[in-house]
C-alpha atoms as a PDB file:
ATOM      1  CA  MET A   1     113.944 125.762  99.305  1.00  0.00           C
ATOM      2  CA  LEU A   2     109.933 125.816 100.595  1.00  0.00           C
ATOM      3  CA  LEU A   3     108.996 124.395  97.527  1.00  0.00           C
ATOM      4  CA  PHE A   4     111.293 121.516  97.538  1.00  0.00           C
ATOM      5  CA  LEU A   5     110.591 120.558 100.803  1.00  0.00           C
ATOM      6  CA  ASN A   6     107.145 120.368 100.384  1.00  0.00           C
ATOM      7  CA  SER A   7     107.663 118.803  96.847  1.00  0.00           C
ATOM      8  CA  ASN A   8     109.246 115.864  98.836  1.00  0.00           C
ATOM      9  CA  GLN A   9     106.546 115.950 101.120  1.00  0.00           C
ATOM     10  CA  SER A  10     103.436 115.137  98.721  1.00  0.00           C
ATOM     11  CA  CYS A  11     105.683 112.462  97.018  1.00  0.00           C
ATOM     12  CA  ASP A  12     105.989 110.661 100.821  1.00  0.00           C
ATOM     13  CA  ILE A  13     102.500 111.214 101.454  1.00  0.00           C
ATOM     14  CA  ILE A  14     101.661 109.950  97.881  1.00  0.00           C
ATOM     15  CA  GLN A  15     103.829 106.916  98.478  1.00  0.00           C
ATOM     16  CA  VAL A  16     102.159 106.329 101.983  1.00  0.00           C
ATOM     17  CA  LEU A  17      98.473 106.976 100.462  1.00  0.00           C
ATOM     18  CA  SER A  18     100.023 103.952  97.677  1.00  0.00           C
ATOM     19  CA  MET A  19     101.290 101.615  99.885  1.00  0.00           C
ATOM     20  CA  PHE A  20      97.845 102.225 101.875  1.00  0.00           C
ATOM     21  CA  ARG A  21      95.665 101.652  99.369  1.00  0.00           C
ATOM     22  CA  LYS A  22      97.789  98.102  98.603  1.00  0.00           C
ATOM     23  CA  VAL A  23      97.223  97.249 101.623  1.00  0.00           C
ATOM     24  CA  LEU A  24      93.950  97.861 102.356  1.00  0.00           C
ATOM     25  CA  ILE A  25      93.228  96.320  98.984  1.00  0.00           C
ATOM     26  CA  ALA A  26      94.772  93.040  99.886  1.00  0.00           C
ATOM     27  CA  ALA A  27      92.916  92.943 103.801  1.00  0.00           C
ATOM     28  CA  LEU A  28      89.742  92.981 101.545  1.00  0.00           C
ATOM     29  CA  VAL A  29      90.458  90.075  99.393  1.00  0.00           C
ATOM     30  CA  LEU A  30      92.331  88.017 102.309  1.00  0.00           C
ATOM     31  CA  ILE A  31      88.744  88.583 104.104  1.00  0.00           C
ATOM     32  CA  ALA A  32      86.674  87.931 101.515  1.00  0.00           C
ATOM     33  CA  ALA A  33      88.603  84.623 100.889  1.00  0.00           C
ATOM     34  CA  PHE A  34      88.351  83.743 103.778  1.00  0.00           C
ATOM     35  CA  GLY A  35      84.306  84.143 103.993  1.00  0.00           C
ATOM     36  CA  ILE A  36      84.436  82.063 100.635  1.00  0.00           C
ATOM     37  CA  LEU A  37      86.211  79.347 102.452  1.00  0.00           C
ATOM     38  CA  LEU A  38      83.953  78.932 105.519  1.00  0.00           C
ATOM     39  CA  ILE A  39      81.098  79.259 103.308  1.00  0.00           C
ATOM     40  CA  SER A  40      82.490  76.686 101.530  1.00  0.00           C
ATOM     41  CA  VAL A  41      83.285  74.442 104.734  1.00  0.00           C
ATOM     42  CA  PHE A  42      80.362  74.297 105.571  1.00  0.00           C
ATOM     43  CA  ARG A  43      78.525  73.500 102.659  1.00  0.00           C
ATOM     44  CA  THR A  44      80.392  71.095 102.422  1.00  0.00           C
ATOM     45  CA  ALA A  45      79.871  69.365 105.970  1.00  0.00           C
ATOM     46  CA  SER A  46      76.281  69.770 105.752  1.00  0.00           C
ATOM     47  CA  VAL A  47      74.845  66.376 105.364  1.00  0.00           C
ATOM     48  CA  LYS A  48      72.700  65.490 101.853  1.00  0.00           C
ATOM     49  CA  TYR A  49      69.673  64.005 101.596  1.00  0.00           C
ATOM     50  CA  GLN A  50      67.907  63.357  98.718  1.00  0.00           C
ATOM     51  CA  PHE A  51      63.713  61.784  98.727  1.00  0.00           C
ATOM     52  CA  SER A  52      60.755  61.714  96.190  1.00  0.00           C
ATOM     53  CA  ASP A  53      57.554  63.400  98.129  1.00  0.00           C
ATOM     54  CA  THR A  54      55.962  59.718  96.585  1.00  0.00           C
ATOM     55  CA  GLY A  55      54.768  57.611  99.773  1.00  0.00           C
ATOM     56  CA  LYS A  56      53.365  60.540 102.076  1.00  0.00           C
ATOM     57  CA  GLN A  57      50.543  59.813 104.065  1.00  0.00           C
ATOM     58  CA  VAL A  58      47.414  60.527 103.225  1.00  0.00           C
ATOM     59  CA  ASN A  59      46.586  61.953 106.573  1.00  0.00           C
ATOM     60  CA  ALA A  60      49.466  64.403 106.159  1.00  0.00           C
ATOM     61  CA  ARG A  61      48.335  67.582 108.174  1.00  0.00           C
ATOM     62  CA  VAL A  62      46.980  70.110 106.572  1.00  0.00           C
ATOM     63  CA  LEU A  63      49.708  73.559 106.304  1.00  0.00           C
ATOM     64  CA  GLY A  64      49.973  75.160 109.956  1.00  0.00           C
ATOM     65  CA  GLU A  65      47.475  72.556 111.239  1.00  0.00           C
ATOM     66  CA  THR A  66      48.701  71.554 115.282  1.00  0.00           C
ATOM     67  CA  THR A  67      47.829  69.809 118.120  1.00  0.00           C
ATOM     68  CA  GLU A  68      50.451  70.995 120.708  1.00  0.00           C
ATOM     69  CA  VAL A  69      50.774  68.990 123.939  1.00  0.00           C
ATOM     70  CA  ILE A  70      53.903  70.905 125.139  1.00  0.00           C
ATOM     71  CA  ASP A  71      53.346  74.482 126.431  1.00  0.00           C
ATOM     72  CA  TYR A  72      56.675  76.170 125.171  1.00  0.00           C
ATOM     73  CA  ASN A  73      56.930  78.277 122.558  1.00  0.00           C
ATOM     74  CA  LEU A  74      59.454  78.107 119.781  1.00  0.00           C
ATOM     75  CA  PRO A  75      60.854  81.554 118.308  1.00  0.00           C
ATOM     76  CA  TYR A  76      59.595  82.637 115.383  1.00  0.00           C
ATOM     77  CA  PRO A  77      62.716  80.738 113.135  1.00  0.00           C
ATOM     78  CA  GLY A  78      62.848  84.441 110.695  1.00  0.00           C
ATOM     79  CA  LYS A  79      62.763  85.219 106.735  1.00  0.00           C
ATOM     80  CA  VAL A  80      65.588  83.692 105.644  1.00  0.00           C
ATOM     81  CA  LEU A  81      65.751  80.119 105.703  1.00  0.00           C
ATOM     82  CA  PRO A  82      68.472  77.323 104.786  1.00  0.00           C
ATOM     83  CA  ASP A  83      66.654  77.372 101.328  1.00  0.00           C
ATOM     84  CA  SER A  84      67.603  80.868 100.862  1.00  0.00           C
ATOM     85  CA  PRO A  85      71.089  81.799  99.101  1.00  0.00           C
ATOM     86  CA  LEU A  86      71.883  84.315 102.359  1.00  0.00           C
ATOM     87  CA  TRP A  87      71.441  80.863 104.876  1.00  0.00           C
ATOM     88  CA  SER A  88      75.539  80.902 104.860  1.00  0.00           C
ATOM     89  CA  VAL A  89      75.798  84.215 106.013  1.00  0.00           C
ATOM     90  CA  LYS A  90      73.400  83.650 108.739  1.00  0.00           C
ATOM     91  CA  ALA A  91      74.474  80.246 109.811  1.00  0.00           C
ATOM     92  CA  LEU A  92      78.392  82.265 109.815  1.00  0.00           C
ATOM     93  CA  ARG A  93      76.701  84.905 112.065  1.00  0.00           C
ATOM     94  CA  ASP A  94      75.593  82.704 114.676  1.00  0.00           C
ATOM     95  CA  ARG A  95      78.901  80.922 114.483  1.00  0.00           C
ATOM     96  CA  VAL A  96      80.589  83.890 115.329  1.00  0.00           C
ATOM     97  CA  TRP A  97      77.873  85.159 117.812  1.00  0.00           C
ATOM     98  CA  LEU A  98      78.272  82.018 119.889  1.00  0.00           C
ATOM     99  CA  TRP A  99      82.484  82.646 119.464  1.00  0.00           C
ATOM    100  CA  VAL A 100      82.324  86.222 120.589  1.00  0.00           C
ATOM    101  CA  THR A 101      79.832  84.495 123.441  1.00  0.00           C
ATOM    102  CA  THR A 102      82.020  84.336 126.952  1.00  0.00           C
ATOM    103  CA  ASN A 103      79.632  84.407 129.066  1.00  0.00           C
ATOM    104  CA  PRO A 104      78.262  80.522 129.357  1.00  0.00           C
ATOM    105  CA  THR A 105      74.813  80.819 130.759  1.00  0.00           C
ATOM    106  CA  ARG A 106      74.093  83.365 127.348  1.00  0.00           C
ATOM    107  CA  LYS A 107      75.806  80.627 125.324  1.00  0.00           C
ATOM    108  CA  ALA A 108      73.806  77.912 126.811  1.00  0.00           C
ATOM    109  CA  GLU A 109      70.406  80.172 126.044  1.00  0.00           C
ATOM    110  CA  LEU A 110      72.038  80.904 122.344  1.00  0.00           C
ATOM    111  CA  LYS A 111      72.527  77.468 121.706  1.00  0.00           C
ATOM    112  CA  LEU A 112      68.951  76.917 122.788  1.00  0.00           C
ATOM    113  CA  LEU A 113      67.838  79.670 120.457  1.00  0.00           C
ATOM    114  CA  PHE A 114      69.990  78.215 117.545  1.00  0.00           C
ATOM    115  CA  ALA A 115      68.303  74.891 117.812  1.00  0.00           C
ATOM    116  CA  ASP A 116      64.677  76.016 118.311  1.00  0.00           C
ATOM    117  CA  LYS A 117      64.660  77.951 115.447  1.00  0.00           C
ATOM    118  CA  ARG A 118      66.281  75.586 113.353  1.00  0.00           C
ATOM    119  CA  LEU A 119      63.301  73.449 114.097  1.00  0.00           C
ATOM    120  CA  GLY A 120      61.183  75.706 113.290  1.00  0.00           C
ATOM    121  CA  SER A 121      62.954  76.301 109.848  1.00  0.00           C
ATOM    122  CA  SER A 122      62.828  72.288 109.544  1.00  0.00           C
ATOM    123  CA  LYS A 123      58.904  72.266 109.622  1.00  0.00           C
ATOM    124  CA  ILE A 124      58.554  74.663 107.543  1.00  0.00           C
ATOM    125  CA  LEU A 125      60.631  73.545 105.384  1.00  0.00           C
ATOM    126  CA  PHE A 126      58.558  69.855 105.327  1.00  0.00           C
ATOM    127  CA  GLU A 127      55.276  71.585 104.645  1.00  0.00           C
ATOM    128  CA  LYS A 128      57.103  72.932 101.702  1.00  0.00           C
ATOM    129  CA  GLY A 129      57.669  69.720 100.647  1.00  0.00           C
ATOM    130  CA  LYS A 130      61.778  70.087 100.843  1.00  0.00           C
ATOM    131  CA  PHE A 131      62.736  67.186 102.443  1.00  0.00           C
ATOM    132  CA  GLU A 132      66.423  67.155 101.565  1.00  0.00           C
ATOM    133  CA  GLU A 133      66.838  70.618 103.248  1.00  0.00           C
ATOM    134  CA  GLY A 134      64.400  69.535 106.042  1.00  0.00           C
ATOM    135  CA  LEU A 135      65.756  66.340 107.446  1.00  0.00           C
ATOM    136  CA  THR A 136      69.385  68.392 106.948  1.00  0.00           C
ATOM    137  CA  THR A 137      68.424  71.047 108.865  1.00  0.00           C
ATOM    138  CA  LEU A 138      66.873  69.000 111.310  1.00  0.00           C
ATOM    139  CA  THR A 139      69.885  67.243 112.019  1.00  0.00           C
ATOM    140  CA  LYS A 140      72.023  70.506 112.945  1.00  0.00           C
ATOM    141  CA  ALA A 141      68.618  71.673 115.118  1.00  0.00           C
ATOM    142  CA  GLU A 142      68.995  68.521 117.400  1.00  0.00           C
ATOM    143  CA  LYS A 143      72.799  68.653 117.422  1.00  0.00           C
ATOM    144  CA  TYR A 144      72.452  72.155 118.748  1.00  0.00           C
ATOM    145  CA  LEU A 145      69.997  70.662 121.013  1.00  0.00           C
ATOM    146  CA  GLU A 146      72.638  68.208 122.747  1.00  0.00           C
ATOM    147  CA  GLU A 147      75.355  70.873 122.942  1.00  0.00           C
ATOM    148  CA  VAL A 148      72.866  72.823 124.715  1.00  0.00           C
ATOM    149  CA  GLY A 149      72.603  70.089 127.279  1.00  0.00           C
ATOM    150  CA  TRP A 150      76.612  69.621 127.494  1.00  0.00           C
ATOM    151  CA  GLN A 151      76.891  73.002 128.003  1.00  0.00           C
ATOM    152  CA  GLU A 152      74.146  73.014 130.886  1.00  0.00           C
ATOM    153  CA  GLU A 153      76.338  70.209 132.487  1.00  0.00           C
ATOM    154  CA  GLU A 154      79.646  71.877 132.301  1.00  0.00           C
ATOM    155  CA  ASN A 155      78.054  75.115 133.544  1.00  0.00           C
ATOM    156  CA  ARG A 156      76.397  72.887 136.221  1.00  0.00           C
ATOM    157  CA  LYS A 157      79.967  71.708 136.891  1.00  0.00           C
ATOM    158  CA  MET A 158      81.587  75.184 137.599  1.00  0.00           C
ATOM    159  CA  GLY A 159      78.743  76.005 139.803  1.00  0.00           C
ATOM    160  CA  ILE A 160      76.058  78.392 138.270  1.00  0.00           C
ATOM    161  CA  GLU A 161      73.061  77.564 139.433  1.00  0.00           C
ATOM    162  CA  THR A 162      71.388  76.242 136.725  1.00  0.00           C
ATOM    163  CA  SER A 163      67.633  75.102 137.897  1.00  0.00           C
ATOM    164  CA  GLY A 164      65.531  77.528 135.976  1.00  0.00           C
ATOM    165  CA  PHE A 165      67.272  76.565 132.777  1.00  0.00           C
ATOM    166  CA  LEU A 166      67.184  73.070 133.439  1.00  0.00           C
ATOM    167  CA  GLU A 167      63.408  73.119 133.691  1.00  0.00           C
ATOM    168  CA  ILE A 168      63.302  74.918 130.154  1.00  0.00           C
ATOM    169  CA  LEU A 169      66.012  72.868 128.795  1.00  0.00           C
ATOM    170  CA  ALA A 170      63.471  69.871 129.931  1.00  0.00           C
ATOM    171  CA  ARG A 171      60.379  71.467 128.950  1.00  0.00           C
ATOM    172  CA  ALA A 172      61.829  72.647 124.801  1.00  0.00           C
ATOM    173  CA  SER A 173      63.403  69.182 124.362  1.00  0.00           C
ATOM    174  CA  LEU A 174      59.368  67.608 124.852  1.00  0.00           C
ATOM    175  CA  LYS A 175      58.883  70.400 122.176  1.00  0.00           C
ATOM    176  CA  HIS A 176      61.440  68.830 119.941  1.00  0.00           C
ATOM    177  CA  TYR A 177      60.277  65.706 120.143  1.00  0.00           C
ATOM    178  CA  GLU A 178      56.611  66.494 119.594  1.00  0.00           C
ATOM    179  CA  VAL A 179      57.549  68.634 116.843  1.00  0.00           C
ATOM    180  CA  MET A 180      59.488  65.929 115.075  1.00  0.00           C
ATOM    181  CA  GLN A 181      56.056  63.866 115.905  1.00  0.00           C
ATOM    182  CA  ASN A 182      54.565  65.861 113.512  1.00  0.00           C
ATOM    183  CA  ILE A 183      56.879  66.213 110.801  1.00  0.00           C
ATOM    184  CA  LEU A 184      56.985  62.900 110.943  1.00  0.00           C
ATOM    185  CA  THR A 185      53.209  62.393 109.395  1.00  0.00           C
ATOM    186  CA  ILE A 186      54.544  64.858 106.410  1.00  0.00           C
ATOM    187  CA  ALA A 187      58.151  63.694 105.708  1.00  0.00           C
ATOM    188  CA  PRO A 188      58.169  60.751 102.665  1.00  0.00           C
ATOM    189  CA  GLU A 189      58.881  57.204 103.613  1.00  0.00           C
ATOM    190  CA  ALA A 190      62.779  57.160 102.830  1.00  0.00           C
ATOM    191  CA  ALA A 191      62.933  59.999 105.527  1.00  0.00           C
ATOM    192  CA  ARG A 192      61.109  58.227 108.382  1.00  0.00           C
ATOM    193  CA  PRO A 193      63.625  56.407 110.198  1.00  0.00           C
ATOM    194  CA  THR A 194      66.268  59.044 110.042  1.00  0.00           C
ATOM    195  CA  ILE A 195      63.774  61.314 111.970  1.00  0.00           C
ATOM    196  CA  ILE A 196      62.786  58.380 114.356  1.00  0.00           C
ATOM    197  CA  GLN A 197      66.585  58.080 115.349  1.00  0.00           C
ATOM    198  CA  THR A 198      67.270  62.212 114.781  1.00  0.00           C
ATOM    199  CA  GLN A 199      64.341  61.992 117.814  1.00  0.00           C
ATOM    200  CA  GLY A 200      67.050  60.052 120.213  1.00  0.00           C
ATOM    201  CA  TYR A 201      68.514  63.714 121.062  1.00  0.00           C
ATOM    202  CA  SER A 202      65.939  65.096 122.349  1.00  0.00           C
ATOM    203  CA  LYS A 203      64.953  61.750 124.416  1.00  0.00           C
ATOM    204  CA  ARG A 204      68.576  61.684 125.708  1.00  0.00           C
ATOM    205  CA  VAL A 205      68.348  65.365 126.464  1.00  0.00           C
ATOM    206  CA  PHE A 206      64.963  65.498 128.210  1.00  0.00           C
ATOM    207  CA  GLU A 207      66.375  62.253 130.190  1.00  0.00           C
ATOM    208  CA  ASN A 208      69.311  64.605 131.586  1.00  0.00           C
ATOM    209  CA  SER A 209      67.653  67.479 132.657  1.00  0.00           C
ATOM    210  CA  ARG A 210      64.952  65.496 134.604  1.00  0.00           C
ATOM    211  CA  ASN A 211      67.465  63.845 136.472  1.00  0.00           C
ATOM    212  CA  ALA A 212      69.363  67.126 137.102  1.00  0.00           C
ATOM    213  CA  LEU A 213      66.290  68.442 138.388  1.00  0.00           C
ATOM    214  CA  LEU A 214      65.111  65.301 140.526  1.00  0.00           C
ATOM    215  CA  GLU A 215      68.915  65.067 142.266  1.00  0.00           C
ATOM    216  CA  LYS A 216      68.328  68.676 143.223  1.00  0.00           C
ATOM    217  CA  GLY A 217      64.921  67.756 144.490  1.00  0.00           C
ATOM    218  CA  LYS A 218      63.158  69.393 142.171  1.00  0.00           C
ATOM    219  CA  SER A 219      59.736  68.642 140.102  1.00  0.00           C
ATOM    220  CA  ALA A 220      60.495  68.064 136.350  1.00  0.00           C
ATOM    221  CA  PRO A 221      57.788  68.247 133.899  1.00  0.00           C
ATOM    222  CA  GLU A 222      55.877  65.539 132.774  1.00  0.00           C
ATOM    223  CA  ASN A 223      56.553  63.688 129.762  1.00  0.00           C
ATOM    224  CA  PRO A 224      53.125  62.732 127.823  1.00  0.00           C
ATOM    225  CA  PHE A 225      55.372  60.308 125.172  1.00  0.00           C
ATOM    226  CA  ALA A 226      55.266  56.736 125.931  1.00  0.00           C
ATOM    227  CA  TRP A 227      58.947  56.157 126.023  1.00  0.00           C
END
């Protein structure tokens, strides 16, 4: 009788394990499919540009050469750049990171970090002659910067003190404009109108940040550019 019961129990355990294995496999397949779908969506949504390297200015700067004006340090963009096969995974990680971040102040800081890193990545790509990837990344950087401005304004309306962050954001926007000025010297002729248009993001973010600081009775960073 005991052996009979043990045999039934063994069969039940085997059936449960088999069912669990099937559920686990199905779950893994769904997760993989969802990940592939997200990556495909990101790639499809990316703006594509095509340029030749002809028309590059003769006075293009040497790789690594810089003439910095704005006192603002951009973070290291990392080794995985948008021209890497792993970039889709990194971009997905950033979106998940933002999604799980509930603190409004931290969310604004994260968006600024992503904007700064993409700006640095764009500059490196342009210096490497990868103009299509560089311009796409630059556009995404400035859209992130715009989101930072929206997030700060929303935080301010919620009663969160943002004076310190506004000063950082104002300097960051000026730095973005400065880096794009440098990129213009090495970009192909066909890309320059888009870069100039993209500078509108940093201009608007600076002006909004400056005005918000002045309304608070705070001093704003000086704009050294002619606009």
